[in-house]
Amino acid sequence: MSKNQSKKSKFRGLTRPQMKNLDFFKACFQSELNATFDTIKAIPENKLEYTPHPINRTAYEIAEHIVAHIFDFSVILQNDSCDERLAFPFSSPSDLADKLKSLWTEATDILESYDDQKWEEETVSLLVGGKPFAVMPRFQMMWFFLNDIIHHRGQLSSYIRPMGGKNPAVYGWSADTVSA
């Protein structure tokens, strides 16, 4: 069966087109933008140093780590190596959320020029602090970074209510977005 052929579904004999990895990534990438933007924006500005335990990162550190990864998306898409950006200083959650949206849009625009071969076959070297960490296909590194953003967004969302904030809807309502 070629990549473009439909596959029989186990459910009621329906057919469904096969989605390519690049197309699936683009769809997932776009669906995560608003949830990430809203979570960053929901951080109470006067509680950026909040941490539930001394061993955990602060809300500020998690938020800047998330946006540093979003900065890295464009680097990964345009280069054969990426020295992971570990910090992204900011003055307020609102400003950081706006920067996040701008960086996300930049990466989305770059993704639009991609074809399957470039996405699946080119490799990227990941450096941390200038030292080699890993070499992987570009698509794998992009998924790695997106999944890490989702992970840290979840971590940050668990801080928001104890900080006195209101959790935004991410994949549906939150207790804070449903009116009583």
N, C-alpha and C. Protein backbone atom coordinates (compact mmCIF):
# COMPACT_ATOMS: atom_id res chain seq x y z
N MET A 1 0.85 -1.17 0.00
CA MET A 1 0.00 0.00 0.00
C MET A 1 0.90 1.24 0.00
N SER A 2 0.64 2.16 -0.91
CA SER A 2 1.46 3.38 -0.97
C SER A 2 1.08 4.31 0.17
N LYS A 3 1.94 5.31 0.42
CA LYS A 3 1.72 6.25 1.51
C LYS A 3 0.43 7.04 1.36
N ASN A 4 -0.02 7.24 0.15
CA ASN A 4 -1.19 8.08 -0.08
C ASN A 4 -2.51 7.31 -0.13
N GLN A 5 -2.44 5.98 -0.05
CA GLN A 5 -3.66 5.19 -0.11
C GLN A 5 -4.36 5.21 1.23
N SER A 6 -5.65 4.96 1.20
CA SER A 6 -6.43 4.89 2.42
C SER A 6 -6.30 3.50 3.01
N LYS A 7 -6.54 3.41 4.29
CA LYS A 7 -6.46 2.16 5.01
C LYS A 7 -7.85 1.81 5.54
N LYS A 8 -8.22 0.54 5.49
CA LYS A 8 -9.51 0.13 6.03
C LYS A 8 -9.46 0.25 7.55
N SER A 9 -10.49 0.86 8.09
CA SER A 9 -10.62 1.00 9.53
C SER A 9 -11.26 -0.25 10.10
N LYS A 10 -10.97 -0.57 11.33
CA LYS A 10 -11.60 -1.69 12.01
C LYS A 10 -13.03 -1.33 12.41
N PHE A 11 -13.37 -0.06 12.29
CA PHE A 11 -14.68 0.41 12.72
C PHE A 11 -15.60 0.61 11.53
N ARG A 12 -16.58 -0.27 11.40
CA ARG A 12 -17.64 -0.17 10.40
C ARG A 12 -17.13 -0.12 8.96
N GLY A 13 -15.97 -0.66 8.69
CA GLY A 13 -15.47 -0.72 7.33
C GLY A 13 -15.15 0.63 6.71
N LEU A 14 -15.05 1.67 7.51
CA LEU A 14 -14.75 3.00 6.99
C LEU A 14 -13.30 3.09 6.54
N THR A 15 -13.06 3.93 5.57
CA THR A 15 -11.68 4.17 5.16
C THR A 15 -11.24 5.53 5.69
N ARG A 16 -9.97 5.66 5.94
CA ARG A 16 -9.42 6.93 6.41
C ARG A 16 -8.10 7.17 5.70
N PRO A 17 -7.86 8.40 5.31
CA PRO A 17 -6.58 8.69 4.67
C PRO A 17 -5.44 8.62 5.69
N GLN A 18 -4.30 8.24 5.20
CA GLN A 18 -3.12 8.20 6.06
C GLN A 18 -2.55 9.61 6.20
N MET A 19 -2.34 10.06 7.41
CA MET A 19 -1.75 11.37 7.64
C MET A 19 -0.25 11.20 7.77
N LYS A 20 0.49 12.03 7.09
CA LYS A 20 1.94 11.97 7.16
C LYS A 20 2.41 12.62 8.46
N ASN A 21 3.59 12.21 8.90
CA ASN A 21 4.15 12.71 10.15
C ASN A 21 4.21 14.23 10.17
N LEU A 22 4.66 14.84 9.08
CA LEU A 22 4.78 16.29 9.02
C LEU A 22 3.41 16.95 9.18
N ASP A 23 2.41 16.43 8.51
CA ASP A 23 1.07 17.00 8.61
C ASP A 23 0.50 16.83 10.03
N PHE A 24 0.76 15.68 10.62
CA PHE A 24 0.30 15.44 11.99
C PHE A 24 1.01 16.40 12.95
N PHE A 25 2.31 16.59 12.76
CA PHE A 25 3.04 17.53 13.63
C PHE A 25 2.46 18.93 13.49
N LYS A 26 2.23 19.38 12.27
CA LYS A 26 1.68 20.73 12.05
C LYS A 26 0.34 20.88 12.79
N ALA A 27 -0.51 19.87 12.69
CA ALA A 27 -1.81 19.93 13.36
C ALA A 27 -1.65 19.97 14.88
N CYS A 28 -0.79 19.13 15.41
CA CYS A 28 -0.56 19.12 16.86
C CYS A 28 0.10 20.42 17.31
N PHE A 29 1.05 20.88 16.55
CA PHE A 29 1.78 22.11 16.87
C PHE A 29 0.79 23.27 17.00
N GLN A 30 -0.12 23.40 16.04
CA GLN A 30 -1.08 24.49 16.08
C GLN A 30 -2.06 24.34 17.24
N SER A 31 -2.44 23.12 17.56
CA SER A 31 -3.41 22.92 18.65
C SER A 31 -2.81 23.22 20.02
N GLU A 32 -1.51 23.18 20.14
CA GLU A 32 -0.86 23.44 21.43
C GLU A 32 -0.57 24.93 21.68
N LEU A 33 -0.62 25.74 20.64
CA LEU A 33 -0.28 27.16 20.78
C LEU A 33 -1.14 27.87 21.81
N ASN A 34 -2.45 27.84 21.64
CA ASN A 34 -3.32 28.60 22.54
C ASN A 34 -3.24 28.11 23.98
N ALA A 35 -3.18 26.81 24.18
CA ALA A 35 -3.08 26.28 25.54
C ALA A 35 -1.81 26.76 26.22
N THR A 36 -0.71 26.79 25.48
CA THR A 36 0.57 27.22 26.05
C THR A 36 0.55 28.72 26.30
N PHE A 37 0.04 29.50 25.34
CA PHE A 37 -0.10 30.95 25.50
C PHE A 37 -0.94 31.27 26.74
N ASP A 38 -2.11 30.63 26.85
CA ASP A 38 -3.02 30.91 27.96
C ASP A 38 -2.42 30.52 29.31
N THR A 39 -1.67 29.43 29.35
CA THR A 39 -1.05 29.00 30.61
C THR A 39 0.01 29.99 31.05
N ILE A 40 0.86 30.43 30.14
CA ILE A 40 1.88 31.42 30.49
C ILE A 40 1.22 32.72 30.96
N LYS A 41 0.20 33.14 30.24
CA LYS A 41 -0.48 34.39 30.57
C LYS A 41 -1.19 34.32 31.92
N ALA A 42 -1.57 33.12 32.36
CA ALA A 42 -2.30 32.94 33.63
C ALA A 42 -1.41 33.00 34.87
N ILE A 43 -0.10 33.04 34.69
CA ILE A 43 0.79 33.07 35.85
C ILE A 43 0.61 34.41 36.58
N PRO A 44 0.29 34.38 37.87
CA PRO A 44 0.19 35.64 38.61
C PRO A 44 1.55 36.35 38.64
N GLU A 45 1.55 37.58 38.18
CA GLU A 45 2.81 38.32 38.01
C GLU A 45 3.60 38.48 39.31
N ASN A 46 2.91 38.55 40.43
CA ASN A 46 3.59 38.77 41.71
C ASN A 46 4.01 37.47 42.39
N LYS A 47 3.89 36.34 41.69
CA LYS A 47 4.23 35.04 42.27
C LYS A 47 5.23 34.26 41.42
N LEU A 48 6.03 34.93 40.64
CA LEU A 48 6.94 34.26 39.71
C LEU A 48 7.98 33.39 40.41
N GLU A 49 8.27 33.67 41.66
CA GLU A 49 9.27 32.88 42.39
C GLU A 49 8.67 31.69 43.13
N TYR A 50 7.37 31.46 42.93
CA TYR A 50 6.70 30.33 43.58
C TYR A 50 7.31 29.02 43.14
N THR A 51 7.49 28.14 44.11
CA THR A 51 7.88 26.76 43.86
C THR A 51 7.25 25.90 44.96
N PRO A 52 6.71 24.73 44.63
CA PRO A 52 6.06 23.92 45.66
C PRO A 52 7.05 23.25 46.61
N HIS A 53 8.31 23.21 46.21
CA HIS A 53 9.35 22.56 47.03
C HIS A 53 10.69 23.14 46.60
N PRO A 54 11.63 23.26 47.51
CA PRO A 54 12.93 23.86 47.14
C PRO A 54 13.66 23.16 45.99
N ILE A 55 13.39 21.89 45.77
CA ILE A 55 14.08 21.17 44.69
C ILE A 55 13.48 21.49 43.32
N ASN A 56 12.23 21.99 43.29
CA ASN A 56 11.55 22.29 42.03
C ASN A 56 11.98 23.63 41.46
N ARG A 57 11.82 23.77 40.15
CA ARG A 57 12.03 25.06 39.49
C ARG A 57 10.94 26.02 39.92
N THR A 58 11.24 27.31 39.85
CA THR A 58 10.23 28.32 40.12
C THR A 58 9.32 28.44 38.90
N ALA A 59 8.17 29.10 39.10
CA ALA A 59 7.27 29.37 37.98
C ALA A 59 8.00 30.15 36.89
N TYR A 60 8.81 31.12 37.31
CA TYR A 60 9.58 31.91 36.34
C TYR A 60 10.49 31.01 35.51
N GLU A 61 11.22 30.12 36.17
CA GLU A 61 12.16 29.24 35.47
C GLU A 61 11.46 28.30 34.49
N ILE A 62 10.31 27.78 34.89
CA ILE A 62 9.57 26.89 33.98
C ILE A 62 9.06 27.67 32.77
N ALA A 63 8.49 28.84 33.02
CA ALA A 63 7.95 29.65 31.93
C ALA A 63 9.05 30.03 30.93
N GLU A 64 10.21 30.45 31.44
CA GLU A 64 11.27 30.84 30.50
C GLU A 64 11.83 29.62 29.77
N HIS A 65 11.82 28.46 30.42
CA HIS A 65 12.28 27.23 29.77
C HIS A 65 11.35 26.87 28.60
N ILE A 66 10.05 27.00 28.82
CA ILE A 66 9.08 26.72 27.76
C ILE A 66 9.34 27.61 26.54
N VAL A 67 9.47 28.91 26.78
CA VAL A 67 9.64 29.83 25.66
C VAL A 67 11.02 29.69 25.03
N ALA A 68 12.02 29.30 25.80
CA ALA A 68 13.33 29.01 25.22
C ALA A 68 13.22 27.87 24.21
N HIS A 69 12.42 26.86 24.53
CA HIS A 69 12.19 25.76 23.58
C HIS A 69 11.49 26.25 22.32
N ILE A 70 10.55 27.16 22.49
CA ILE A 70 9.84 27.69 21.33
C ILE A 70 10.80 28.49 20.45
N PHE A 71 11.72 29.21 21.06
CA PHE A 71 12.78 29.89 20.31
C PHE A 71 13.58 28.86 19.51
N ASP A 72 13.88 27.73 20.15
CA ASP A 72 14.69 26.68 19.52
C ASP A 72 14.01 26.04 18.31
N PHE A 73 12.67 26.05 18.25
CA PHE A 73 12.00 25.48 17.09
C PHE A 73 12.54 26.05 15.79
N SER A 74 12.64 27.36 15.70
CA SER A 74 13.12 27.99 14.46
C SER A 74 14.57 27.64 14.18
N VAL A 75 15.37 27.52 15.24
CA VAL A 75 16.77 27.13 15.08
C VAL A 75 16.86 25.72 14.51
N ILE A 76 16.09 24.81 15.08
CA ILE A 76 16.08 23.41 14.62
C ILE A 76 15.64 23.31 13.16
N LEU A 77 14.64 24.10 12.80
CA LEU A 77 14.09 24.03 11.45
C LEU A 77 15.01 24.64 10.39
N GLN A 78 15.92 25.52 10.79
CA GLN A 78 16.75 26.24 9.82
C GLN A 78 18.23 25.87 9.84
N ASN A 79 18.62 24.97 10.74
CA ASN A 79 20.04 24.66 10.90
C ASN A 79 20.26 23.17 11.08
N ASP A 80 21.52 22.75 10.96
CA ASP A 80 21.82 21.34 11.20
C ASP A 80 22.31 21.10 12.62
N SER A 81 22.29 22.15 13.46
CA SER A 81 22.59 21.98 14.88
C SER A 81 21.82 23.03 15.68
N CYS A 82 21.58 22.71 16.94
CA CYS A 82 20.88 23.61 17.85
C CYS A 82 21.54 23.52 19.21
N ASP A 83 22.07 24.64 19.68
CA ASP A 83 22.59 24.70 21.05
C ASP A 83 21.41 25.15 21.90
N GLU A 84 20.83 24.20 22.60
CA GLU A 84 19.57 24.45 23.32
C GLU A 84 19.66 25.70 24.18
N ARG A 85 18.69 26.57 23.97
CA ARG A 85 18.60 27.78 24.78
C ARG A 85 17.97 27.38 26.10
N LEU A 86 18.65 27.65 27.18
CA LEU A 86 18.19 27.20 28.49
C LEU A 86 17.44 28.27 29.27
N ALA A 87 17.53 29.51 28.84
CA ALA A 87 16.85 30.60 29.53
C ALA A 87 16.26 31.56 28.50
N PHE A 88 15.22 32.27 28.93
CA PHE A 88 14.60 33.28 28.09
C PHE A 88 14.05 34.36 29.02
N PRO A 89 14.92 35.26 29.49
CA PRO A 89 14.50 36.26 30.48
C PRO A 89 13.30 37.08 30.01
N PHE A 90 12.44 37.42 30.98
CA PHE A 90 11.24 38.20 30.67
C PHE A 90 10.87 39.08 31.85
N SER A 91 10.03 40.08 31.57
CA SER A 91 9.64 41.03 32.62
C SER A 91 8.25 40.75 33.19
N SER A 92 7.36 40.15 32.39
CA SER A 92 6.02 39.83 32.89
C SER A 92 5.47 38.63 32.13
N PRO A 93 4.58 37.86 32.75
CA PRO A 93 3.96 36.74 32.03
C PRO A 93 3.24 37.19 30.76
N SER A 94 2.61 38.34 30.78
CA SER A 94 1.90 38.83 29.60
C SER A 94 2.87 39.10 28.45
N ASP A 95 4.00 39.75 28.76
CA ASP A 95 5.01 40.00 27.72
C ASP A 95 5.59 38.69 27.19
N LEU A 96 5.82 37.73 28.10
CA LEU A 96 6.37 36.44 27.67
C LEU A 96 5.38 35.70 26.78
N ALA A 97 4.08 35.76 27.14
CA ALA A 97 3.06 35.10 26.32
C ALA A 97 3.02 35.70 24.91
N ASP A 98 3.16 37.02 24.83
CA ASP A 98 3.17 37.67 23.52
C ASP A 98 4.40 37.25 22.71
N LYS A 99 5.55 37.15 23.36
CA LYS A 99 6.78 36.71 22.68
C LYS A 99 6.63 35.25 22.23
N LEU A 100 6.02 34.43 23.08
CA LEU A 100 5.76 33.03 22.74
C LEU A 100 4.96 32.96 21.45
N LYS A 101 3.90 33.73 21.35
CA LYS A 101 3.04 33.70 20.16
C LYS A 101 3.82 34.12 18.92
N SER A 102 4.66 35.13 19.05
CA SER A 102 5.47 35.60 17.92
C SER A 102 6.46 34.52 17.46
N LEU A 103 7.13 33.88 18.41
CA LEU A 103 8.09 32.82 18.07
C LEU A 103 7.38 31.61 17.47
N TRP A 104 6.22 31.27 18.00
CA TRP A 104 5.45 30.13 17.50
C TRP A 104 5.03 30.39 16.05
N THR A 105 4.60 31.62 15.78
CA THR A 105 4.20 31.99 14.42
C THR A 105 5.38 31.90 13.47
N GLU A 106 6.53 32.35 13.91
CA GLU A 106 7.75 32.27 13.09
C GLU A 106 8.06 30.81 12.73
N ALA A 107 8.01 29.93 13.72
CA ALA A 107 8.27 28.50 13.46
C ALA A 107 7.22 27.91 12.54
N THR A 108 5.96 28.30 12.72
CA THR A 108 4.88 27.81 11.86
C THR A 108 5.11 28.22 10.42
N ASP A 109 5.52 29.46 10.21
CA ASP A 109 5.81 29.94 8.86
C ASP A 109 6.94 29.14 8.21
N ILE A 110 7.96 28.81 8.97
CA ILE A 110 9.07 28.02 8.45
C ILE A 110 8.59 26.61 8.11
N LEU A 111 7.77 26.03 8.98
CA LEU A 111 7.23 24.68 8.74
C LEU A 111 6.45 24.59 7.43
N GLU A 112 5.80 25.66 7.05
CA GLU A 112 5.00 25.65 5.83
C GLU A 112 5.85 25.41 4.59
N SER A 113 7.14 25.71 4.66
CA SER A 113 8.02 25.51 3.50
C SER A 113 8.61 24.10 3.46
N TYR A 114 8.30 23.28 4.44
CA TYR A 114 8.90 21.96 4.55
C TYR A 114 8.22 20.93 3.67
N ASP A 115 9.04 19.98 3.19
CA ASP A 115 8.50 18.81 2.52
C ASP A 115 8.86 17.59 3.38
N ASP A 116 8.26 16.44 3.05
CA ASP A 116 8.46 15.24 3.85
C ASP A 116 9.91 14.80 3.92
N GLN A 117 10.62 14.93 2.82
CA GLN A 117 12.01 14.48 2.79
C GLN A 117 12.87 15.29 3.76
N LYS A 118 12.75 16.60 3.69
CA LYS A 118 13.52 17.47 4.59
C LYS A 118 13.16 17.18 6.04
N TRP A 119 11.88 16.97 6.31
CA TRP A 119 11.38 16.72 7.65
C TRP A 119 11.88 15.38 8.21
N GLU A 120 11.83 14.35 7.39
CA GLU A 120 12.11 13.01 7.89
C GLU A 120 13.56 12.56 7.76
N GLU A 121 14.29 13.10 6.78
CA GLU A 121 15.61 12.54 6.49
C GLU A 121 16.79 13.37 6.99
N GLU A 122 16.60 14.67 7.18
CA GLU A 122 17.73 15.49 7.65
C GLU A 122 17.90 15.34 9.16
N THR A 123 19.16 15.32 9.58
CA THR A 123 19.44 15.20 11.01
C THR A 123 19.89 16.55 11.58
N VAL A 124 19.71 16.67 12.88
CA VAL A 124 20.11 17.88 13.61
C VAL A 124 20.89 17.43 14.84
N SER A 125 21.99 18.12 15.11
CA SER A 125 22.77 17.87 16.32
C SER A 125 22.26 18.77 17.43
N LEU A 126 21.95 18.19 18.56
CA LEU A 126 21.53 18.97 19.72
C LEU A 126 22.73 19.13 20.65
N LEU A 127 23.00 20.39 20.96
CA LEU A 127 24.07 20.72 21.89
C LEU A 127 23.42 21.30 23.15
N VAL A 128 24.06 21.10 24.28
CA VAL A 128 23.63 21.72 25.53
C VAL A 128 24.86 22.39 26.12
N GLY A 129 24.81 23.70 26.21
CA GLY A 129 25.97 24.45 26.70
C GLY A 129 27.17 24.30 25.79
N GLY A 130 26.90 24.15 24.49
CA GLY A 130 27.97 24.02 23.51
C GLY A 130 28.55 22.62 23.39
N LYS A 131 28.07 21.69 24.20
CA LYS A 131 28.59 20.32 24.19
C LYS A 131 27.59 19.39 23.52
N PRO A 132 28.08 18.46 22.68
CA PRO A 132 27.17 17.53 22.00
C PRO A 132 26.33 16.73 22.99
N PHE A 133 25.05 16.62 22.67
CA PHE A 133 24.12 15.86 23.51
C PHE A 133 23.50 14.71 22.73
N ALA A 134 23.02 15.01 21.50
CA ALA A 134 22.36 13.98 20.70
C ALA A 134 22.30 14.42 19.25
N VAL A 135 22.22 13.44 18.36
CA VAL A 135 21.96 13.69 16.94
C VAL A 135 20.72 12.86 16.60
N MET A 136 19.74 13.52 15.97
CA MET A 136 18.51 12.81 15.63
C MET A 136 17.88 13.42 14.40
N PRO A 137 16.97 12.69 13.76
CA PRO A 137 16.26 13.28 12.63
C PRO A 137 15.51 14.54 13.10
N ARG A 138 15.42 15.50 12.20
CA ARG A 138 14.77 16.78 12.52
C ARG A 138 13.37 16.57 13.12
N PHE A 139 12.59 15.67 12.48
CA PHE A 139 11.22 15.45 12.98
C PHE A 139 11.23 14.95 14.41
N GLN A 140 12.18 14.11 14.76
CA GLN A 140 12.24 13.56 16.11
C GLN A 140 12.60 14.65 17.12
N MET A 141 13.51 15.54 16.74
CA MET A 141 13.88 16.62 17.65
C MET A 141 12.71 17.58 17.86
N MET A 142 11.97 17.86 16.80
CA MET A 142 10.83 18.76 16.93
C MET A 142 9.76 18.14 17.85
N TRP A 143 9.49 16.85 17.69
CA TRP A 143 8.54 16.18 18.59
C TRP A 143 9.07 16.18 20.03
N PHE A 144 10.37 15.95 20.19
CA PHE A 144 11.00 15.94 21.51
C PHE A 144 10.76 17.28 22.21
N PHE A 145 11.01 18.37 21.50
CA PHE A 145 10.83 19.70 22.09
C PHE A 145 9.35 20.00 22.34
N LEU A 146 8.47 19.65 21.41
CA LEU A 146 7.05 19.90 21.61
C LEU A 146 6.53 19.12 22.83
N ASN A 147 6.91 17.86 22.94
CA ASN A 147 6.48 17.06 24.09
C ASN A 147 7.03 17.62 25.40
N ASP A 148 8.24 18.14 25.37
CA ASP A 148 8.81 18.73 26.58
C ASP A 148 8.05 20.01 26.97
N ILE A 149 7.64 20.79 25.98
CA ILE A 149 6.83 21.98 26.25
C ILE A 149 5.51 21.57 26.90
N ILE A 150 4.87 20.55 26.37
CA ILE A 150 3.60 20.08 26.94
C ILE A 150 3.81 19.61 28.37
N HIS A 151 4.87 18.88 28.61
CA HIS A 151 5.21 18.40 29.96
C HIS A 151 5.38 19.58 30.92
N HIS A 152 6.18 20.56 30.53
CA HIS A 152 6.44 21.69 31.43
C HIS A 152 5.21 22.59 31.57
N ARG A 153 4.38 22.66 30.54
CA ARG A 153 3.13 23.42 30.66
C ARG A 153 2.24 22.77 31.72
N GLY A 154 2.19 21.45 31.72
CA GLY A 154 1.42 20.74 32.75
C GLY A 154 1.99 20.99 34.13
N GLN A 155 3.31 20.98 34.23
CA GLN A 155 3.97 21.27 35.51
C GLN A 155 3.59 22.68 35.97
N LEU A 156 3.67 23.63 35.06
CA LEU A 156 3.35 25.02 35.39
C LEU A 156 1.87 25.17 35.77
N SER A 157 1.00 24.44 35.09
CA SER A 157 -0.43 24.56 35.40
C SER A 157 -0.72 24.08 36.82
N SER A 158 0.08 23.15 37.33
CA SER A 158 -0.13 22.69 38.70
C SER A 158 0.32 23.74 39.73
N TYR A 159 1.08 24.73 39.30
CA TYR A 159 1.51 25.83 40.18
C TYR A 159 0.47 26.95 40.24
N ILE A 160 -0.28 27.15 39.16
CA ILE A 160 -1.09 28.36 39.02
C ILE A 160 -2.12 28.54 40.13
N ARG A 161 -2.90 27.53 40.43
CA ARG A 161 -3.93 27.70 41.47
C ARG A 161 -3.30 27.94 42.84
N PRO A 162 -2.29 27.18 43.28
CA PRO A 162 -1.66 27.50 44.58
C PRO A 162 -1.03 28.90 44.63
N MET A 163 -0.71 29.44 43.44
CA MET A 163 -0.15 30.80 43.37
C MET A 163 -1.26 31.85 43.44
N GLY A 164 -2.52 31.42 43.46
CA GLY A 164 -3.64 32.35 43.51
C GLY A 164 -4.21 32.68 42.14
N GLY A 165 -3.73 31.99 41.10
CA GLY A 165 -4.22 32.25 39.75
C GLY A 165 -5.35 31.31 39.37
N LYS A 166 -5.82 31.44 38.15
CA LYS A 166 -6.89 30.60 37.61
C LYS A 166 -6.36 29.84 36.40
N ASN A 167 -6.51 28.53 36.45
CA ASN A 167 -6.06 27.70 35.33
C ASN A 167 -6.95 27.89 34.12
N PRO A 168 -6.33 28.13 32.95
CA PRO A 168 -7.11 28.26 31.73
C PRO A 168 -7.57 26.90 31.23
N ALA A 169 -8.51 26.91 30.32
CA ALA A 169 -8.91 25.68 29.64
C ALA A 169 -7.76 25.26 28.74
N VAL A 170 -7.40 23.99 28.78
CA VAL A 170 -6.31 23.50 27.94
C VAL A 170 -6.88 22.53 26.90
N TYR A 171 -7.37 21.38 27.34
CA TYR A 171 -7.99 20.42 26.42
C TYR A 171 -9.49 20.32 26.71
N GLY A 172 -10.03 21.34 27.22
CA GLY A 172 -11.42 21.40 27.64
C GLY A 172 -11.47 22.32 28.84
N TRP A 173 -12.59 22.35 29.52
CA TRP A 173 -12.74 23.26 30.64
C TRP A 173 -11.78 22.92 31.78
N SER A 174 -11.46 23.93 32.58
CA SER A 174 -10.82 23.69 33.88
C SER A 174 -11.84 24.09 34.93
N ALA A 175 -11.61 23.70 36.17
CA ALA A 175 -12.53 24.08 37.25
C ALA A 175 -12.61 25.61 37.35
N ASP A 176 -11.57 26.30 36.92
CA ASP A 176 -11.56 27.76 37.00
C ASP A 176 -12.28 28.44 35.84
N THR A 177 -12.58 27.70 34.77
CA THR A 177 -13.24 28.33 33.62
C THR A 177 -14.73 28.00 33.56
N VAL A 178 -15.18 27.12 34.43
CA VAL A 178 -16.59 26.74 34.46
C VAL A 178 -17.27 27.61 35.52
N SER A 179 -18.33 28.30 35.14
CA SER A 179 -19.03 29.12 36.12
C SER A 179 -19.91 28.24 37.00
N ALA A 180 -19.96 28.61 38.26
CA ALA A 180 -20.72 27.81 39.26
C ALA A 180 -22.21 27.98 39.09
